[in-house]
Amino acid sequence: MVSIYPFFRFQMIDVRIHCADTVINLRYGTTLEHEKQRLLHHAKTSVMRKAWHRERDLLRLGLPTNKDWSVAEIDEILKLGYANGFDGEYIRDTERYPELCDDPYNIRFVKTN
């Protein structure tokens, strides 16, 4: 199955070829750098979900994590799946190591201001 999505605002066309367990995107009218940034953004969104899920599972099982959480933060993570006031950042630079952009082990949680 083939789907075509025109993006008039960006003068871009996205052709998607749907296979059994794969979708191939062909994008016309964009740049390599723009696509790289778009994919890195999507990878960061995905890896953050994975990292919080992993953190919650470790805490639920009583296993050690890389961060020393307070009791209130642990309760919040177990209840909500994340801790307010914290964000994930990459440990290793994804520009240099793009293969790590979707690895939850490459995320550390830091307090946001």
N, C-alpha and C. Protein backbone atom coordinates (compact mmCIF):
# COMPACT_ATOMS: atom_id res chain seq x y z
N MET A 1 0.84 -1.17 0.00
CA MET A 1 0.00 0.00 0.00
C MET A 1 0.88 1.24 0.00
N VAL A 2 0.53 2.22 -0.78
CA VAL A 2 1.30 3.47 -0.87
C VAL A 2 0.39 4.62 -0.47
N SER A 3 0.88 5.48 0.41
CA SER A 3 0.15 6.69 0.82
C SER A 3 0.99 7.90 0.45
N ILE A 4 0.34 8.96 -0.01
CA ILE A 4 1.04 10.19 -0.36
C ILE A 4 0.46 11.31 0.49
N TYR A 5 1.34 12.02 1.20
CA TYR A 5 0.93 13.11 2.07
C TYR A 5 1.62 14.40 1.62
N PRO A 6 0.90 15.31 0.97
CA PRO A 6 1.52 16.59 0.61
C PRO A 6 1.51 17.54 1.81
N PHE A 7 2.60 18.23 2.02
CA PHE A 7 2.72 19.24 3.07
C PHE A 7 2.89 20.58 2.36
N PHE A 8 1.78 21.24 2.09
CA PHE A 8 1.82 22.47 1.30
C PHE A 8 2.58 23.58 2.02
N ARG A 9 2.48 23.61 3.33
CA ARG A 9 3.16 24.65 4.09
C ARG A 9 4.67 24.55 3.93
N PHE A 10 5.17 23.33 3.78
CA PHE A 10 6.62 23.12 3.68
C PHE A 10 7.07 22.79 2.27
N GLN A 11 6.14 22.74 1.31
CA GLN A 11 6.45 22.34 -0.06
C GLN A 11 7.20 21.01 -0.07
N MET A 12 6.61 20.05 0.62
CA MET A 12 7.24 18.74 0.77
C MET A 12 6.18 17.67 0.53
N ILE A 13 6.61 16.55 -0.01
CA ILE A 13 5.73 15.40 -0.20
C ILE A 13 6.36 14.20 0.51
N ASP A 14 5.53 13.49 1.25
CA ASP A 14 5.96 12.30 1.97
C ASP A 14 5.23 11.11 1.36
N VAL A 15 5.98 10.21 0.72
CA VAL A 15 5.41 9.00 0.15
C VAL A 15 5.74 7.86 1.11
N ARG A 16 4.70 7.18 1.59
CA ARG A 16 4.90 6.08 2.53
C ARG A 16 4.51 4.77 1.86
N ILE A 17 5.44 3.83 1.89
CA ILE A 17 5.21 2.51 1.34
C ILE A 17 5.04 1.56 2.52
N HIS A 18 3.83 1.02 2.67
CA HIS A 18 3.50 0.16 3.80
C HIS A 18 3.68 -1.30 3.42
N CYS A 19 4.53 -1.99 4.17
CA CYS A 19 4.74 -3.42 4.00
C CYS A 19 4.20 -4.13 5.24
N ALA A 20 4.41 -5.42 5.32
CA ALA A 20 3.86 -6.20 6.43
C ALA A 20 4.28 -5.65 7.79
N ASP A 21 5.56 -5.44 8.01
CA ASP A 21 6.02 -4.93 9.30
C ASP A 21 7.02 -3.79 9.14
N THR A 22 6.92 -3.08 8.02
CA THR A 22 7.84 -1.98 7.74
C THR A 22 7.09 -0.87 7.01
N VAL A 23 7.47 0.36 7.30
CA VAL A 23 6.98 1.51 6.54
C VAL A 23 8.20 2.25 6.03
N ILE A 24 8.25 2.47 4.73
CA ILE A 24 9.36 3.20 4.11
C ILE A 24 8.85 4.58 3.74
N ASN A 25 9.53 5.61 4.23
CA ASN A 25 9.16 6.99 3.92
C ASN A 25 10.13 7.55 2.89
N LEU A 26 9.58 8.10 1.82
CA LEU A 26 10.37 8.84 0.84
C LEU A 26 9.91 10.28 0.93
N ARG A 27 10.80 11.17 1.31
CA ARG A 27 10.43 12.58 1.49
C ARG A 27 11.10 13.42 0.42
N TYR A 28 10.27 14.16 -0.29
CA TYR A 28 10.75 15.05 -1.34
C TYR A 28 10.54 16.49 -0.89
N GLY A 29 11.53 17.34 -1.13
CA GLY A 29 11.41 18.75 -0.80
C GLY A 29 11.94 19.11 0.57
N THR A 30 12.73 18.26 1.16
CA THR A 30 13.32 18.55 2.46
C THR A 30 14.84 18.41 2.34
N THR A 31 15.54 18.72 3.40
CA THR A 31 17.00 18.62 3.38
C THR A 31 17.44 17.48 4.30
N LEU A 32 18.63 17.02 4.07
CA LEU A 32 19.20 15.95 4.90
C LEU A 32 19.28 16.40 6.36
N GLU A 33 19.72 17.62 6.60
CA GLU A 33 19.86 18.12 7.97
C GLU A 33 18.50 18.23 8.66
N HIS A 34 17.50 18.71 7.94
CA HIS A 34 16.15 18.81 8.52
C HIS A 34 15.63 17.42 8.90
N GLU A 35 15.81 16.45 8.04
CA GLU A 35 15.35 15.09 8.32
C GLU A 35 16.12 14.47 9.48
N LYS A 36 17.41 14.73 9.54
CA LYS A 36 18.21 14.22 10.65
C LYS A 36 17.69 14.77 11.97
N GLN A 37 17.43 16.08 12.02
CA GLN A 37 16.92 16.70 13.24
C GLN A 37 15.53 16.17 13.59
N ARG A 38 14.70 15.96 12.58
CA ARG A 38 13.35 15.43 12.80
C ARG A 38 13.42 14.03 13.41
N LEU A 39 14.29 13.19 12.86
CA LEU A 39 14.43 11.82 13.37
C LEU A 39 15.02 11.80 14.78
N LEU A 40 16.00 12.68 15.04
CA LEU A 40 16.58 12.76 16.38
C LEU A 40 15.54 13.22 17.40
N HIS A 41 14.68 14.14 17.00
CA HIS A 41 13.62 14.62 17.88
C HIS A 41 12.65 13.48 18.22
N HIS A 42 12.24 12.72 17.21
CA HIS A 42 11.34 11.59 17.45
C HIS A 42 12.02 10.52 18.30
N ALA A 43 13.30 10.29 18.06
CA ALA A 43 14.04 9.30 18.86
C ALA A 43 14.11 9.74 20.32
N LYS A 44 14.32 11.04 20.56
CA LYS A 44 14.41 11.54 21.94
C LYS A 44 13.07 11.37 22.65
N THR A 45 11.98 11.65 21.96
CA THR A 45 10.66 11.46 22.55
C THR A 45 10.45 9.99 22.93
N SER A 46 10.81 9.10 22.03
CA SER A 46 10.64 7.67 22.26
C SER A 46 11.55 7.17 23.38
N VAL A 47 12.81 7.59 23.37
CA VAL A 47 13.75 7.10 24.37
C VAL A 47 13.40 7.62 25.76
N MET A 48 12.79 8.80 25.84
CA MET A 48 12.39 9.31 27.15
C MET A 48 11.29 8.43 27.75
N ARG A 49 10.34 8.01 26.93
CA ARG A 49 9.30 7.10 27.43
C ARG A 49 9.94 5.80 27.92
N LYS A 50 10.87 5.27 27.13
CA LYS A 50 11.54 4.02 27.51
C LYS A 50 12.33 4.19 28.80
N ALA A 51 13.04 5.31 28.94
CA ALA A 51 13.88 5.54 30.12
C ALA A 51 13.03 5.68 31.38
N TRP A 52 11.92 6.42 31.30
CA TRP A 52 11.04 6.54 32.46
C TRP A 52 10.41 5.19 32.80
N HIS A 53 10.04 4.44 31.79
CA HIS A 53 9.46 3.11 32.01
C HIS A 53 10.47 2.20 32.71
N ARG A 54 11.70 2.25 32.25
CA ARG A 54 12.77 1.45 32.85
C ARG A 54 13.01 1.87 34.30
N GLU A 55 13.04 3.19 34.53
CA GLU A 55 13.27 3.71 35.88
C GLU A 55 12.14 3.24 36.82
N ARG A 56 10.91 3.34 36.36
CA ARG A 56 9.77 2.90 37.18
C ARG A 56 9.85 1.40 37.48
N ASP A 57 10.21 0.60 36.48
CA ASP A 57 10.33 -0.84 36.70
C ASP A 57 11.41 -1.17 37.72
N LEU A 58 12.56 -0.49 37.62
CA LEU A 58 13.64 -0.73 38.58
C LEU A 58 13.20 -0.37 39.99
N LEU A 59 12.53 0.79 40.13
CA LEU A 59 12.07 1.21 41.45
C LEU A 59 11.01 0.27 41.99
N ARG A 60 10.11 -0.17 41.13
CA ARG A 60 9.04 -1.08 41.54
C ARG A 60 9.62 -2.40 42.06
N LEU A 61 10.72 -2.85 41.44
CA LEU A 61 11.36 -4.10 41.84
C LEU A 61 12.35 -3.93 42.99
N GLY A 62 12.56 -2.66 43.40
CA GLY A 62 13.50 -2.40 44.49
C GLY A 62 14.95 -2.51 44.07
N LEU A 63 15.21 -2.39 42.78
CA LEU A 63 16.58 -2.49 42.27
C LEU A 63 17.22 -1.11 42.22
N PRO A 64 18.55 -1.04 42.25
CA PRO A 64 19.22 0.26 42.22
C PRO A 64 19.07 0.95 40.86
N THR A 65 19.02 2.27 40.91
CA THR A 65 18.97 3.09 39.70
C THR A 65 20.20 3.99 39.69
N ASN A 66 20.40 4.70 38.61
CA ASN A 66 21.56 5.59 38.50
C ASN A 66 21.36 6.90 39.26
N LYS A 67 20.15 7.16 39.71
CA LYS A 67 19.83 8.41 40.40
C LYS A 67 19.35 8.09 41.81
N ASP A 68 19.78 8.89 42.77
CA ASP A 68 19.29 8.77 44.14
C ASP A 68 18.02 9.61 44.26
N TRP A 69 16.87 8.96 44.19
CA TRP A 69 15.59 9.65 44.26
C TRP A 69 15.16 9.81 45.71
N SER A 70 14.45 10.90 45.99
CA SER A 70 13.85 11.05 47.31
C SER A 70 12.62 10.14 47.39
N VAL A 71 12.11 9.95 48.59
CA VAL A 71 10.93 9.10 48.78
C VAL A 71 9.75 9.68 48.00
N ALA A 72 9.57 11.00 48.05
CA ALA A 72 8.47 11.65 47.33
C ALA A 72 8.61 11.47 45.83
N GLU A 73 9.84 11.57 45.32
CA GLU A 73 10.08 11.39 43.88
C GLU A 73 9.80 9.95 43.46
N ILE A 74 10.21 9.01 44.30
CA ILE A 74 9.93 7.59 44.00
C ILE A 74 8.43 7.35 43.94
N ASP A 75 7.70 7.89 44.91
CA ASP A 75 6.24 7.74 44.91
C ASP A 75 5.63 8.33 43.64
N GLU A 76 6.13 9.49 43.23
CA GLU A 76 5.62 10.15 42.03
C GLU A 76 5.91 9.32 40.78
N ILE A 77 7.11 8.77 40.69
CA ILE A 77 7.48 7.94 39.53
C ILE A 77 6.61 6.69 39.49
N LEU A 78 6.42 6.06 40.64
CA LEU A 78 5.60 4.85 40.68
C LEU A 78 4.14 5.15 40.34
N LYS A 79 3.67 6.33 40.73
CA LYS A 79 2.27 6.70 40.49
C LYS A 79 2.05 7.23 39.07
N LEU A 80 2.91 8.19 38.63
CA LEU A 80 2.71 8.87 37.35
C LEU A 80 3.54 8.29 36.21
N GLY A 81 4.63 7.61 36.56
CA GLY A 81 5.53 7.11 35.52
C GLY A 81 6.68 8.04 35.23
N TYR A 82 6.73 9.18 35.92
CA TYR A 82 7.81 10.15 35.77
C TYR A 82 7.83 11.04 37.00
N ALA A 83 8.88 11.84 37.16
CA ALA A 83 8.97 12.78 38.27
C ALA A 83 8.95 14.20 37.70
N ASN A 84 8.02 15.01 38.20
CA ASN A 84 7.97 16.40 37.78
C ASN A 84 9.26 17.11 38.16
N GLY A 85 9.70 18.02 37.31
CA GLY A 85 10.91 18.77 37.59
C GLY A 85 12.18 18.07 37.16
N PHE A 86 12.04 16.94 36.48
CA PHE A 86 13.20 16.22 35.97
C PHE A 86 13.06 16.01 34.48
N ASP A 87 14.18 16.05 33.80
CA ASP A 87 14.20 15.79 32.37
C ASP A 87 15.36 14.84 32.10
N GLY A 88 15.29 14.16 30.99
CA GLY A 88 16.37 13.26 30.60
C GLY A 88 17.32 13.95 29.65
N GLU A 89 18.58 13.65 29.81
CA GLU A 89 19.57 14.15 28.86
C GLU A 89 20.45 12.99 28.44
N TYR A 90 21.00 13.12 27.24
CA TYR A 90 21.87 12.06 26.74
C TYR A 90 23.18 12.05 27.51
N ILE A 91 23.68 10.87 27.81
CA ILE A 91 24.99 10.72 28.45
C ILE A 91 26.07 10.87 27.39
N ARG A 92 25.92 10.15 26.30
CA ARG A 92 26.86 10.25 25.18
C ARG A 92 26.21 11.04 24.05
N ASP A 93 26.97 11.90 23.43
CA ASP A 93 26.49 12.81 22.38
C ASP A 93 25.93 12.03 21.20
N THR A 94 24.68 12.30 20.84
CA THR A 94 24.05 11.58 19.73
C THR A 94 24.51 12.09 18.37
N GLU A 95 25.12 13.25 18.33
CA GLU A 95 25.71 13.70 17.07
C GLU A 95 26.93 12.82 16.74
N ARG A 96 27.65 12.45 17.78
CA ARG A 96 28.84 11.62 17.59
C ARG A 96 28.49 10.13 17.55
N TYR A 97 27.49 9.74 18.33
CA TYR A 97 27.06 8.34 18.41
C TYR A 97 25.56 8.25 18.12
N PRO A 98 25.15 8.43 16.88
CA PRO A 98 23.71 8.44 16.57
C PRO A 98 23.02 7.11 16.86
N GLU A 99 23.77 6.03 16.91
CA GLU A 99 23.17 4.72 17.20
C GLU A 99 22.66 4.64 18.64
N LEU A 100 23.05 5.59 19.49
CA LEU A 100 22.61 5.59 20.89
C LEU A 100 21.41 6.51 21.13
N CYS A 101 20.88 7.11 20.07
CA CYS A 101 19.80 8.09 20.26
C CYS A 101 18.52 7.47 20.78
N ASP A 102 18.31 6.17 20.62
CA ASP A 102 17.09 5.55 21.14
C ASP A 102 17.40 4.48 22.20
N ASP A 103 18.55 4.61 22.84
CA ASP A 103 18.96 3.67 23.88
C ASP A 103 18.65 4.25 25.26
N PRO A 104 17.71 3.68 26.01
CA PRO A 104 17.38 4.24 27.33
C PRO A 104 18.53 4.19 28.33
N TYR A 105 19.53 3.37 28.07
CA TYR A 105 20.71 3.34 28.95
C TYR A 105 21.62 4.54 28.69
N ASN A 106 21.34 5.31 27.65
CA ASN A 106 22.11 6.51 27.33
C ASN A 106 21.42 7.76 27.87
N ILE A 107 20.48 7.59 28.77
CA ILE A 107 19.74 8.72 29.35
C ILE A 107 20.03 8.80 30.84
N ARG A 108 20.26 10.03 31.32
CA ARG A 108 20.33 10.27 32.76
C ARG A 108 19.31 11.36 33.08
N PHE A 109 18.75 11.27 34.25
CA PHE A 109 17.74 12.24 34.67
C PHE A 109 18.39 13.36 35.46
N VAL A 110 18.04 14.59 35.09
CA VAL A 110 18.59 15.77 35.74
C VAL A 110 17.45 16.68 36.17
N LYS A 111 17.68 17.41 37.24
CA LYS A 111 16.70 18.37 37.76
C LYS A 111 16.64 19.56 36.82
N THR A 112 15.42 19.97 36.47
CA THR A 112 15.25 21.16 35.65
C THR A 112 14.96 22.34 36.55
N ASN A 113 15.31 23.52 36.08
CA ASN A 113 15.10 24.73 36.90
C ASN A 113 13.78 25.36 36.62
